[in-house]
Amino acid sequence: MEVKLYPRCISFEQQPTLSATGYVVPCCWADNSDFEGMESLVQPHLHISNVDDIEDIILSKEWDSFFEGLIKKPASAPDMCKKYCCTDISFKNRKTNEVNSK
């Protein structure tokens, strides 16, 4: 099955989030207890206490690889990305569009 993603984190339409555990994750939806599919982004050296600047995290090879995967291998993207970024309709407008399409 083909998967088409419109990753809001790449365009920073959806801002990166500081998780409750001290890791920066691509969006608020990614702030969960297991970071399933985003394990590479929660390595000890990427913890907020181990960097001088947030850019050290966002510009890291792990984040580059994560973004590259979203673009080049969307079928392998985390389930959360598929759930929230599978349409080009803004998440805020989805309910309105779903109601209007029925």
C-alpha atoms as a PDB file:
ATOM      1  CA  MET A   1       0.000   0.000   0.000  1.00  0.00           C
ATOM      2  CA  GLU A   2       1.317   3.436  -0.919  1.00  0.00           C
ATOM      3  CA  VAL A   3       1.627   5.908   1.928  1.00  0.00           C
ATOM      4  CA  LYS A   4       1.632   9.636   1.249  1.00  0.00           C
ATOM      5  CA  LEU A   5       2.797  11.863   4.072  1.00  0.00           C
ATOM      6  CA  TYR A   6       2.653  15.621   4.491  1.00  0.00           C
ATOM      7  CA  PRO A   7       5.085  15.928   7.428  1.00  0.00           C
ATOM      8  CA  ARG A   8       4.221  19.073   9.323  1.00  0.00           C
ATOM      9  CA  CYS A   9       7.456  18.797  11.324  1.00  0.00           C
ATOM     10  CA  ILE A  10       9.637  19.282   8.249  1.00  0.00           C
ATOM     11  CA  SER A  11       8.034  22.600   7.380  1.00  0.00           C
ATOM     12  CA  PHE A  12       7.783  23.428  11.094  1.00  0.00           C
ATOM     13  CA  GLU A  13       4.030  23.960  10.656  1.00  0.00           C
ATOM     14  CA  GLN A  14       3.979  21.734  13.723  1.00  0.00           C
ATOM     15  CA  GLN A  15       6.649  22.901  16.157  1.00  0.00           C
ATOM     16  CA  PRO A  16       9.136  20.566  17.823  1.00  0.00           C
ATOM     17  CA  THR A  17       8.164  19.757  21.389  1.00  0.00           C
ATOM     18  CA  LEU A  18      10.173  19.311  24.558  1.00  0.00           C
ATOM     19  CA  SER A  19       8.927  16.043  26.011  1.00  0.00           C
ATOM     20  CA  ALA A  20       8.269  15.494  29.684  1.00  0.00           C
ATOM     21  CA  THR A  21      11.392  13.308  29.746  1.00  0.00           C
ATOM     22  CA  GLY A  22      13.709  16.021  28.413  1.00  0.00           C
ATOM     23  CA  TYR A  23      13.943  15.092  24.741  1.00  0.00           C
ATOM     24  CA  VAL A  24      12.999  17.262  21.803  1.00  0.00           C
ATOM     25  CA  VAL A  25      10.595  15.405  19.535  1.00  0.00           C
ATOM     26  CA  PRO A  26       9.190  16.466  16.142  1.00  0.00           C
ATOM     27  CA  CYS A  27       5.710  17.346  17.410  1.00  0.00           C
ATOM     28  CA  CYS A  28       3.419  17.205  20.409  1.00  0.00           C
ATOM     29  CA  TRP A  29       1.864  13.957  19.134  1.00  0.00           C
ATOM     30  CA  ALA A  30       5.272  12.290  19.464  1.00  0.00           C
ATOM     31  CA  ASP A  31       5.474  13.061  23.186  1.00  0.00           C
ATOM     32  CA  ASN A  32       4.400   9.688  24.522  1.00  0.00           C
ATOM     33  CA  SER A  33       5.833   7.083  26.821  1.00  0.00           C
ATOM     34  CA  ASP A  34       7.577   4.870  24.282  1.00  0.00           C
ATOM     35  CA  PHE A  35       8.538   7.127  21.326  1.00  0.00           C
ATOM     36  CA  GLU A  36       7.697   4.200  19.032  1.00  0.00           C
ATOM     37  CA  GLY A  37       9.444   4.647  15.697  1.00  0.00           C
ATOM     38  CA  MET A  38      11.427   7.622  16.986  1.00  0.00           C
ATOM     39  CA  GLU A  39      13.912   5.818  19.199  1.00  0.00           C
ATOM     40  CA  SER A  40      16.850   7.366  17.344  1.00  0.00           C
ATOM     41  CA  LEU A  41      15.685  10.829  18.481  1.00  0.00           C
ATOM     42  CA  VAL A  42      15.782   9.946  22.174  1.00  0.00           C
ATOM     43  CA  GLN A  43      19.426   8.975  22.557  1.00  0.00           C
ATOM     44  CA  PRO A  44      21.254  10.171  25.693  1.00  0.00           C
ATOM     45  CA  HIS A  45      23.484  12.590  23.741  1.00  0.00           C
ATOM     46  CA  LEU A  46      20.313  14.303  22.402  1.00  0.00           C
ATOM     47  CA  HIS A  47      18.836  14.895  25.870  1.00  0.00           C
ATOM     48  CA  ILE A  48      18.268  18.599  26.541  1.00  0.00           C
ATOM     49  CA  SER A  49      20.690  18.461  29.483  1.00  0.00           C
ATOM     50  CA  ASN A  50      23.520  17.283  27.205  1.00  0.00           C
ATOM     51  CA  VAL A  51      23.451  20.009  24.545  1.00  0.00           C
ATOM     52  CA  ASP A  52      24.351  23.684  24.486  1.00  0.00           C
ATOM     53  CA  ASP A  53      21.633  24.701  22.049  1.00  0.00           C
ATOM     54  CA  ILE A  54      18.397  23.219  20.707  1.00  0.00           C
ATOM     55  CA  GLU A  55      19.920  23.413  17.216  1.00  0.00           C
ATOM     56  CA  ASP A  56      22.442  20.778  18.335  1.00  0.00           C
ATOM     57  CA  ILE A  57      19.468  18.438  18.519  1.00  0.00           C
ATOM     58  CA  ILE A  58      17.381  19.516  15.542  1.00  0.00           C
ATOM     59  CA  LEU A  59      20.393  19.659  13.203  1.00  0.00           C
ATOM     60  CA  SER A  60      21.786  16.312  14.359  1.00  0.00           C
ATOM     61  CA  LYS A  61      22.394  13.357  12.056  1.00  0.00           C
ATOM     62  CA  GLU A  62      19.599  11.486  13.863  1.00  0.00           C
ATOM     63  CA  TRP A  63      17.055  14.178  13.011  1.00  0.00           C
ATOM     64  CA  ASP A  64      18.338  14.402   9.428  1.00  0.00           C
ATOM     65  CA  SER A  65      17.913  10.657   9.080  1.00  0.00           C
ATOM     66  CA  PHE A  66      14.415  10.794  10.602  1.00  0.00           C
ATOM     67  CA  PHE A  67      13.308  13.530   8.174  1.00  0.00           C
ATOM     68  CA  GLU A  68      14.900  11.715   5.235  1.00  0.00           C
ATOM     69  CA  GLY A  69      12.948   8.597   6.161  1.00  0.00           C
ATOM     70  CA  LEU A  70       9.679  10.519   6.211  1.00  0.00           C
ATOM     71  CA  ILE A  71      10.353  11.807   2.711  1.00  0.00           C
ATOM     72  CA  LYS A  72      11.972   8.784   1.047  1.00  0.00           C
ATOM     73  CA  LYS A  73      10.321   5.903   2.921  1.00  0.00           C
ATOM     74  CA  PRO A  74       6.917   7.103   4.143  1.00  0.00           C
ATOM     75  CA  ALA A  75       5.621   3.528   4.445  1.00  0.00           C
ATOM     76  CA  SER A  76       8.260   2.982   7.162  1.00  0.00           C
ATOM     77  CA  ALA A  77       7.314   6.141   9.076  1.00  0.00           C
ATOM     78  CA  PRO A  78       6.107   5.839  12.661  1.00  0.00           C
ATOM     79  CA  ASP A  79       2.404   5.047  12.961  1.00  0.00           C
ATOM     80  CA  MET A  80       1.867   8.394  14.648  1.00  0.00           C
ATOM     81  CA  CYS A  81       3.131  10.208  11.560  1.00  0.00           C
ATOM     82  CA  LYS A  82       0.787   8.195   9.382  1.00  0.00           C
ATOM     83  CA  LYS A  83      -2.118   9.026  11.677  1.00  0.00           C
ATOM     84  CA  TYR A  84      -1.593  12.785  11.893  1.00  0.00           C
ATOM     85  CA  CYS A  85       0.258  13.652   8.682  1.00  0.00           C
ATOM     86  CA  CYS A  86      -1.379  11.433   6.070  1.00  0.00           C
ATOM     87  CA  THR A  87      -3.391  14.244   4.513  1.00  0.00           C
ATOM     88  CA  ASP A  88      -2.618  17.744   3.350  1.00  0.00           C
ATOM     89  CA  ILE A  89      -5.689  19.021   5.219  1.00  0.00           C
ATOM     90  CA  SER A  90      -4.636  20.820   8.373  1.00  0.00           C
ATOM     91  CA  PHE A  91      -5.355  18.751  11.483  1.00  0.00           C
ATOM     92  CA  LYS A  92      -7.319  21.683  12.906  1.00  0.00           C
ATOM     93  CA  ASN A  93      -9.598  21.695   9.853  1.00  0.00           C
ATOM     94  CA  ARG A  94     -10.087  17.933   9.513  1.00  0.00           C
ATOM     95  CA  LYS A  95     -13.281  17.714  11.557  1.00  0.00           C
ATOM     96  CA  THR A  96     -14.867  20.507   9.518  1.00  0.00           C
ATOM     97  CA  ASN A  97     -13.813  18.903   6.224  1.00  0.00           C
ATOM     98  CA  GLU A  98     -15.006  15.441   7.317  1.00  0.00           C
ATOM     99  CA  VAL A  99     -18.442  16.814   8.239  1.00  0.00           C
ATOM    100  CA  ASN A 100     -18.729  18.780   4.998  1.00  0.00           C
ATOM    101  CA  SER A 101     -17.790  15.786   2.853  1.00  0.00           C
ATOM    102  CA  LYS A 102     -20.626  13.599   4.167  1.00  0.00           C
END
